[in-house]
Every structure is written in structure tokens, then in C-alpha cells.
Amino acid sequence: MDNITTRFEQCLRRHLRLVKPDSVDYAVELVQLGLDLMTAVAILLDMEKTFDIRFPGDMLVEGTFRTAGRLKGAVQLLRERQAS
């Protein structure tokens, strides 16, 4: 597992009580894993700190936080933008 995946999954586990300790299903909707508005804010802030990124306003939408796969894609995109 690459470093981004490990750190990403650790962030999710810190905030979503229903994420399995041994694996993350990237297709399951995060609301099924305990995501609510306050948890989404906590995850957002944790991801920004962990990956030294900032989510722009246009990414602060429900779709970004729908699944772990979508959220990880957003984190990767922001890291790529920052690197260039």
C-alpha cells in the first residue's frame, strides 16, 4: 500500500467509526460509515493538515465526500496541482 493510501485511510479511521480496521471499501457511501456534517468538516481539516493541501470552494460539495474513492481522488488531484 502506498504512503498516500495509508495516510488517507488513517484519516478516515480517525473520524468514521464504521470503517473496518483492516480495509476500506472505496465504493461505499461515507454516510453509511458514519459521515455527517460535523464529521465531514473534521475529515476535511484532517486531510488538509495531513496532506498540506487546501480544498477550494468548488470542491466543498456533497459529491466530493460521497465515497472514499471520490475523496481520495480529490486529495490526489489537489496534491498534483500543488506539485506543479
C-alpha atoms as a PDB file:
ATOM      1  CA  MET A   1       0.000   0.000   0.000  1.00  0.00           C
ATOM      2  CA  ASP A   2       1.451   3.393  -0.950  1.00  0.00           C
ATOM      3  CA  ASN A   3       2.028   6.192   1.533  1.00  0.00           C
ATOM      4  CA  ILE A   4      -0.937   8.320   0.405  1.00  0.00           C
ATOM      5  CA  THR A   5      -3.295   5.357   0.782  1.00  0.00           C
ATOM      6  CA  THR A   6      -2.040   4.555   4.268  1.00  0.00           C
ATOM      7  CA  ARG A   7      -2.334   8.151   5.472  1.00  0.00           C
ATOM      8  CA  PHE A   8      -5.703   8.621   3.750  1.00  0.00           C
ATOM      9  CA  GLU A   9      -7.161   5.519   5.390  1.00  0.00           C
ATOM     10  CA  GLN A  10      -5.782   6.549   8.776  1.00  0.00           C
ATOM     11  CA  CYS A  11      -7.605   9.882   8.436  1.00  0.00           C
ATOM     12  CA  LEU A  12     -10.862   8.109   7.650  1.00  0.00           C
ATOM     13  CA  ARG A  13     -10.472   5.729  10.574  1.00  0.00           C
ATOM     14  CA  ARG A  14      -9.893   8.611  12.979  1.00  0.00           C
ATOM     15  CA  HIS A  15     -13.319  10.049  12.150  1.00  0.00           C
ATOM     16  CA  LEU A  16     -15.586   7.303  10.777  1.00  0.00           C
ATOM     17  CA  ARG A  17     -16.418   4.752  13.444  1.00  0.00           C
ATOM     18  CA  LEU A  18     -17.720   2.166  10.988  1.00  0.00           C
ATOM     19  CA  VAL A  19     -14.621   1.925   8.772  1.00  0.00           C
ATOM     20  CA  LYS A  20     -13.155  -1.557   9.130  1.00  0.00           C
ATOM     21  CA  PRO A  21      -9.728  -1.612  10.772  1.00  0.00           C
ATOM     22  CA  ASP A  22      -8.222  -3.867   8.109  1.00  0.00           C
ATOM     23  CA  SER A  23      -9.670  -2.439   4.873  1.00  0.00           C
ATOM     24  CA  VAL A  24     -11.538   0.493   3.372  1.00  0.00           C
ATOM     25  CA  ASP A  25     -14.242  -0.098   0.780  1.00  0.00           C
ATOM     26  CA  TYR A  26     -13.735   2.809  -1.609  1.00  0.00           C
ATOM     27  CA  ALA A  27     -17.173   2.378  -3.212  1.00  0.00           C
ATOM     28  CA  VAL A  28     -19.349   2.512  -0.074  1.00  0.00           C
ATOM     29  CA  GLU A  29     -21.030   5.845   0.596  1.00  0.00           C
ATOM     30  CA  LEU A  30     -19.372   7.533   3.536  1.00  0.00           C
ATOM     31  CA  VAL A  31     -22.737   8.297   5.170  1.00  0.00           C
ATOM     32  CA  GLN A  32     -23.080   4.530   5.637  1.00  0.00           C
ATOM     33  CA  LEU A  33     -19.827   4.637   7.597  1.00  0.00           C
ATOM     34  CA  GLY A  34     -20.977   7.422   9.924  1.00  0.00           C
ATOM     35  CA  LEU A  35     -20.361  10.596   7.922  1.00  0.00           C
ATOM     36  CA  ASP A  36     -22.431  13.599   8.974  1.00  0.00           C
ATOM     37  CA  LEU A  37     -21.831  17.336   8.569  1.00  0.00           C
ATOM     38  CA  MET A  38     -19.558  17.713  11.586  1.00  0.00           C
ATOM     39  CA  THR A  39     -17.581  14.604  10.674  1.00  0.00           C
ATOM     40  CA  ALA A  40     -17.165  15.874   7.104  1.00  0.00           C
ATOM     41  CA  VAL A  41     -15.656  19.109   8.442  1.00  0.00           C
ATOM     42  CA  ALA A  42     -13.328  17.147  10.738  1.00  0.00           C
ATOM     43  CA  ILE A  43     -12.215  14.915   7.851  1.00  0.00           C
ATOM     44  CA  LEU A  44     -11.713  17.942   5.614  1.00  0.00           C
ATOM     45  CA  LEU A  45      -9.482  19.652   8.170  1.00  0.00           C
ATOM     46  CA  ASP A  46      -7.569  16.442   8.869  1.00  0.00           C
ATOM     47  CA  MET A  47      -6.965  15.801   5.149  1.00  0.00           C
ATOM     48  CA  GLU A  48      -5.776  19.384   4.656  1.00  0.00           C
ATOM     49  CA  LYS A  49      -3.344  19.073   7.549  1.00  0.00           C
ATOM     50  CA  THR A  50      -2.164  15.556   6.704  1.00  0.00           C
ATOM     51  CA  PHE A  51      -1.507  16.275   3.022  1.00  0.00           C
ATOM     52  CA  ASP A  52      -0.717  20.017   3.271  1.00  0.00           C
ATOM     53  CA  ILE A  53      -3.484  20.886   0.802  1.00  0.00           C
ATOM     54  CA  ARG A  54      -6.458  23.265   0.728  1.00  0.00           C
ATOM     55  CA  PHE A  55      -9.853  22.317  -0.638  1.00  0.00           C
ATOM     56  CA  PRO A  56     -11.172  25.131  -2.868  1.00  0.00           C
ATOM     57  CA  GLY A  57     -14.800  26.167  -2.510  1.00  0.00           C
ATOM     58  CA  ASP A  58     -15.867  24.367  -5.690  1.00  0.00           C
ATOM     59  CA  MET A  59     -14.760  21.037  -4.166  1.00  0.00           C
ATOM     60  CA  LEU A  60     -16.726  21.548  -0.949  1.00  0.00           C
ATOM     61  CA  VAL A  61     -19.742  19.732  -2.292  1.00  0.00           C
ATOM     62  CA  GLU A  62     -21.516  16.519  -1.366  1.00  0.00           C
ATOM     63  CA  GLY A  63     -20.090  14.650  -4.352  1.00  0.00           C
ATOM     64  CA  THR A  64     -16.520  15.076  -3.120  1.00  0.00           C
ATOM     65  CA  PHE A  65     -17.418  13.342   0.132  1.00  0.00           C
ATOM     66  CA  ARG A  66     -19.794  10.709  -1.287  1.00  0.00           C
ATOM     67  CA  THR A  67     -17.324   7.797  -1.214  1.00  0.00           C
ATOM     68  CA  ALA A  68     -13.763   7.208  -0.065  1.00  0.00           C
ATOM     69  CA  GLY A  69     -12.830   6.779  -3.723  1.00  0.00           C
ATOM     70  CA  ARG A  70     -14.105  10.214  -4.673  1.00  0.00           C
ATOM     71  CA  LEU A  71     -12.489  11.852  -1.668  1.00  0.00           C
ATOM     72  CA  LYS A  72      -9.149  10.175  -2.326  1.00  0.00           C
ATOM     73  CA  GLY A  73      -9.355  11.281  -5.963  1.00  0.00           C
ATOM     74  CA  ALA A  74      -9.883  14.869  -4.804  1.00  0.00           C
ATOM     75  CA  VAL A  75      -6.917  14.645  -2.423  1.00  0.00           C
ATOM     76  CA  GLN A  76      -4.694  13.254  -5.193  1.00  0.00           C
ATOM     77  CA  LEU A  77      -5.803  15.987  -7.597  1.00  0.00           C
ATOM     78  CA  LEU A  78      -5.046  18.723  -5.070  1.00  0.00           C
ATOM     79  CA  ARG A  79      -1.633  17.226  -4.350  1.00  0.00           C
ATOM     80  CA  GLU A  80      -0.857  17.118  -8.088  1.00  0.00           C
ATOM     81  CA  ARG A  81      -1.956  20.743  -8.530  1.00  0.00           C
ATOM     82  CA  GLN A  82       0.211  21.792  -5.623  1.00  0.00           C
ATOM     83  CA  ALA A  83       3.242  19.958  -7.015  1.00  0.00           C
ATOM     84  CA  SER A  84       3.026  21.690 -10.393  1.00  0.00           C
END
